[in-house]
Protein backbone atom coordinates (compact mmCIF):
# COMPACT_ATOMS: atom_id res chain seq x y z
CA MET A 1 112.01 71.10 117.88
CA GLY A 2 110.93 69.17 120.94
CA ARG A 3 108.99 65.91 120.90
CA LEU A 4 105.95 65.21 123.03
CA GLY A 5 105.97 61.92 124.90
CA ASP A 6 103.07 59.50 124.84
CA GLY A 7 101.38 60.97 127.89
CA GLN A 8 101.59 64.54 126.60
CA ARG A 9 100.31 63.56 123.13
CA MET A 10 97.26 61.97 124.72
CA HIS A 11 96.60 65.25 126.54
CA ALA A 12 95.79 66.77 123.14
CA GLN A 13 92.39 65.13 123.50
CA ARG A 14 91.51 67.11 126.64
CA ALA A 15 89.30 69.64 124.86
CA ASP A 16 87.18 66.92 123.21
CA ALA A 17 87.02 64.99 126.48
CA ARG A 18 85.67 68.05 128.29
CA VAL A 19 82.99 68.52 125.62
CA ILE A 20 81.90 64.87 126.02
CA LEU A 21 81.90 65.13 129.83
CA ALA A 22 79.81 68.32 129.69
CA ARG A 23 77.35 66.60 127.37
CA ALA A 24 77.08 63.61 129.73
CA ARG A 25 76.50 65.92 132.69
CA SER A 26 73.76 67.81 130.84
CA LEU A 27 72.01 64.47 130.24
CA GLY A 28 72.32 63.47 133.90
CA ARG A 29 74.83 60.70 133.20
CA ARG A 30 77.51 59.81 135.75
CA THR A 31 81.11 59.81 134.41
CA ILE A 32 84.35 58.18 135.52
CA VAL A 33 87.63 59.03 133.80
CA GLY A 34 91.01 57.27 133.85
CA GLY A 35 94.06 57.10 131.62
CA PRO A 36 97.11 59.36 131.10
CA TRP A 37 95.32 62.70 131.48
CA ALA A 38 93.48 61.67 134.63
CA SER A 39 96.60 60.04 136.08
CA ASN A 40 98.73 63.15 135.52
CA GLU A 41 96.18 65.87 136.31
CA PRO A 42 93.45 64.32 138.49
CA ASP A 43 92.42 67.59 140.13
CA ALA A 44 91.85 69.22 136.74
CA VAL A 45 89.76 66.26 135.54
CA LEU A 46 87.65 66.30 138.73
CA ALA A 47 86.29 69.68 137.64
CA ASP A 48 84.52 67.96 134.73
CA ALA A 49 84.04 64.32 135.79
CA ASP A 50 82.14 62.75 138.67
CA HIS A 51 84.89 60.23 139.44
CA VAL A 52 88.56 59.99 138.51
CA PHE A 53 90.88 56.99 138.60
CA VAL A 54 94.66 57.44 138.83
CA GLY A 55 96.79 54.50 137.69
CA GLU A 56 95.85 51.12 136.25
CA SER A 57 92.33 50.04 137.13
CA GLU A 58 92.11 46.30 136.29
CA GLU A 59 92.45 44.98 139.82
CA ALA A 60 90.29 47.69 141.41
CA PHE A 61 87.47 48.21 138.94
CA ALA A 62 85.18 45.44 140.18
CA GLY A 63 85.08 47.13 143.58
CA ILE A 64 84.49 50.53 141.99
CA ALA A 65 81.60 49.15 139.92
CA ALA A 66 80.00 47.73 143.07
CA ALA A 67 80.44 51.06 144.88
CA LEU A 68 78.81 52.89 141.97
CA GLU A 69 75.82 50.55 142.13
CA HIS A 70 75.44 51.15 145.88
CA GLY A 71 75.97 54.91 145.69
CA SER A 72 79.15 54.84 147.79
CA ALA A 73 81.78 55.54 145.12
CA GLN A 74 84.59 57.94 145.97
CA ARG A 75 85.32 60.92 143.76
CA LEU A 76 89.02 60.03 143.46
CA TYR A 77 90.66 56.62 143.33
CA ARG A 78 94.38 55.89 143.22
CA ALA A 79 96.11 52.59 142.43
CA SER A 80 99.85 52.15 142.93
CA ASP A 81 100.02 48.48 141.95
CA LYS A 82 101.14 47.52 138.43
CA PRO A 83 98.98 44.57 137.28
CA GLU A 84 100.66 41.75 135.41
CA MET A 85 99.66 41.70 131.75
CA THR A 86 99.44 37.90 131.84
CA LEU A 87 96.20 38.34 133.83
CA SER A 88 94.58 40.60 131.25
CA PRO A 89 91.47 39.11 129.57
CA VAL A 90 90.62 39.41 125.87
CA PRO A 91 88.87 42.77 125.37
CA ARG A 92 85.14 42.73 124.52
CA TYR A 93 85.60 43.73 120.89
CA ASP A 94 82.12 42.35 120.23
CA LEU A 95 80.67 45.39 122.01
CA LEU A 96 82.18 47.77 119.44
CA ARG A 97 80.54 48.98 116.25
CA LEU A 98 83.51 47.89 114.17
CA ASP A 99 82.18 49.55 111.03
CA LYS A 100 82.87 52.92 112.70
CA TYR A 101 86.62 52.25 113.06
CA ALA A 102 89.47 52.63 110.56
CA SER A 103 92.00 50.94 112.85
CA MET A 104 91.77 48.61 115.84
CA SER A 105 94.20 48.51 118.79
CA VAL A 106 95.78 45.74 120.84
CA GLN A 107 98.25 46.11 123.69
CA TYR A 108 101.12 43.70 124.23
CA SER A 109 103.04 45.42 127.02
CA ARG A 110 103.13 48.33 129.43
CA GLY A 111 106.12 50.17 130.85
CA CYS A 112 109.43 51.31 129.41
CA PRO A 113 112.98 50.88 130.75
CA PHE A 114 114.07 54.37 129.66
CA GLN A 115 113.85 57.74 131.44
CA CYS A 116 113.38 60.11 128.50
CA ASP A 117 113.11 63.78 129.45
CA PHE A 118 110.24 64.36 127.01
CA CYS A 119 108.01 61.45 128.08
CA ASN A 120 106.05 60.82 131.27
CA ILE A 121 104.87 57.29 130.50
CA ILE A 122 107.01 55.75 133.24
CA THR A 123 105.23 57.85 135.88
CA ILE A 124 102.06 55.91 135.01
CA TYR A 125 103.23 52.47 133.90
CA GLY A 126 106.69 52.20 135.48
CA ARG A 127 110.10 51.22 134.11
CA ARG A 128 109.62 47.43 134.18
CA PRO A 129 108.13 46.22 130.89
CA ARG A 130 105.21 43.90 131.65
CA VAL A 131 104.14 41.73 128.74
CA LYS A 132 101.36 39.41 127.66
CA THR A 133 102.17 35.97 126.33
CA SER A 134 102.17 35.39 122.58
CA ALA A 135 99.10 33.19 123.04
CA GLN A 136 97.21 36.06 124.69
CA LEU A 137 97.91 38.56 121.93
CA ILE A 138 97.18 36.05 119.17
CA ALA A 139 93.88 35.21 120.91
CA GLU A 140 92.95 38.89 120.60
CA LEU A 141 93.84 38.90 116.90
CA ASP A 142 91.83 35.71 116.38
CA THR A 143 88.87 37.34 118.13
CA LEU A 144 89.02 40.32 115.78
CA ARG A 145 89.19 38.01 112.76
CA ARG A 146 86.16 36.03 113.96
CA LEU A 147 84.25 39.31 114.24
CA GLY A 148 85.07 40.06 110.61
CA TRP A 149 87.81 42.65 111.13
CA ARG A 150 90.14 42.80 108.11
CA LYS A 151 91.74 46.21 108.43
CA GLN A 152 94.72 47.59 110.31
CA VAL A 153 95.55 46.53 113.88
CA PHE A 154 97.92 48.81 115.80
CA ILE A 155 100.03 47.35 118.61
CA VAL A 156 99.93 50.41 120.86
CA ASP A 157 102.79 49.68 123.27
CA ASP A 158 104.83 52.45 124.87
CA ASN A 159 107.98 50.70 123.65
CA PHE A 160 107.40 47.40 121.83
CA ILE A 161 110.99 46.23 122.40
CA GLY A 162 111.22 47.38 126.02
CA ASN A 163 111.70 43.68 126.79
CA HIS A 164 113.59 42.76 123.62
CA ARG A 165 113.76 39.01 124.26
CA GLN A 166 110.01 38.71 124.73
CA ALA A 167 109.37 41.01 121.75
CA LEU A 168 111.53 38.86 119.50
CA SER A 169 109.69 35.74 120.66
CA LEU A 170 106.36 37.42 119.89
CA ALA A 171 107.65 38.56 116.49
CA ARG A 172 108.42 34.96 115.56
CA ASP A 173 105.00 33.79 116.73
CA LEU A 174 103.30 36.63 114.83
CA ALA A 175 105.24 35.65 111.70
CA ALA A 176 103.88 32.10 111.99
CA TRP A 177 100.36 33.45 112.59
CA GLN A 178 100.61 35.72 109.55
CA LYS A 179 101.84 32.82 107.44
CA ARG A 180 98.88 30.68 108.51
CA HIS A 181 96.58 33.44 107.37
CA ARG A 182 98.48 34.02 104.10
CA TYR A 183 100.02 37.43 104.86
CA PRO A 184 98.08 40.59 104.04
CA SER A 185 98.70 42.42 100.77
CA ARG A 186 97.35 45.52 99.08
CA SER A 187 94.93 43.44 97.03
CA THR A 188 93.55 41.17 99.75
CA PRO A 189 91.33 42.20 102.68
CA ARG A 190 93.36 40.54 105.39
CA LEU A 191 94.19 41.87 108.83
CA ARG A 192 97.32 44.08 108.76
CA LEU A 193 99.58 44.63 111.78
CA ILE A 194 101.54 47.77 112.62
CA CYS A 195 103.51 48.87 115.68
CA ARG A 196 105.69 51.74 116.86
CA THR A 197 108.95 51.34 118.75
CA ALA A 198 112.30 52.94 119.48
CA PRO A 199 115.64 51.26 118.64
CA ASN A 200 117.21 50.21 121.91
CA CYS A 201 120.75 51.47 121.35
CA SER A 202 121.86 50.28 124.79
CA LEU A 203 121.70 46.65 123.64
CA PRO A 204 124.94 44.94 122.54
CA TRP A 205 125.49 45.22 118.78
CA TRP A 206 125.15 41.45 118.25
CA THR A 207 121.77 41.46 120.01
CA ARG A 208 120.50 44.33 117.86
CA THR A 209 121.81 42.65 114.70
CA SER A 210 120.23 39.30 115.57
CA TYR A 211 116.96 40.96 116.50
CA MET A 212 116.69 43.03 113.32
CA SER A 213 117.84 40.19 111.05
CA SER A 214 115.20 37.89 112.48
CA TRP A 215 112.57 40.63 112.27
CA ALA A 216 113.37 41.39 108.63
CA SER A 217 113.38 37.76 107.57
CA LYS A 218 110.17 36.82 109.41
CA ARG A 219 108.29 40.07 108.53
CA PRO A 220 105.65 39.72 111.26
CA LEU A 221 104.57 43.36 110.88
CA PRO A 222 104.12 44.89 107.43
CA LYS A 223 104.52 48.38 108.95
CA LEU A 224 107.03 49.25 111.67
CA CYS A 225 107.28 52.89 112.81
CA TRP A 226 110.75 53.61 114.20
CA SER A 227 110.92 56.48 116.70
CA VAL A 228 114.50 57.80 116.87
CA GLU A 229 114.93 59.33 120.32
CA SER A 230 117.61 60.43 122.74
CA THR A 231 117.21 58.51 125.96
CA ARG A 232 118.61 58.24 129.45
CA THR A 233 118.84 54.64 130.71
């Protein structure tokens, strides 16, 4: 049985996206679409959306917003640059109706060092893992707590340990943050962290052992989803 990579799994939402785009068009609302589907199949998305963005939009979106306001926006935009995650601001979680969500998402890194046959993530985000600082991610968690969020938070990285040294440093900082907030449990409504990753079998055995021993002892994430995959490095 084959496994769908992250980009392909996200394509499962195409049918719903087309329904939403058709609804917006019927109401006379302009639409712009980005993300994995748009980045992999821009021509297909252009059939349903007014504008499509291929790649990562952070550094270009201010210009696109201005063009939309002045009626000069292009139908298709492409960005080849890979923005540094250290420049990423805290998302505007305050704009969300949090009571409508069962889980909230944060992103620590983009990119993956592997070239798996079943996954097309590197065609969008590249092979160099780009990471936020621990302070950035913890600021996002603190923002969610201030807004009253006490449910699950999913770290949605393509490969959380793509940069294993930085991931281990973040794990230690998350452990300290969890300790300050008295660790979540089944009986207390405290924010719970979860992430998904793949074991990097190309690392030396002593690095893997040190990493996992520290992870287990610090328990920064109550839930860790291991994805066992065959990779090409």
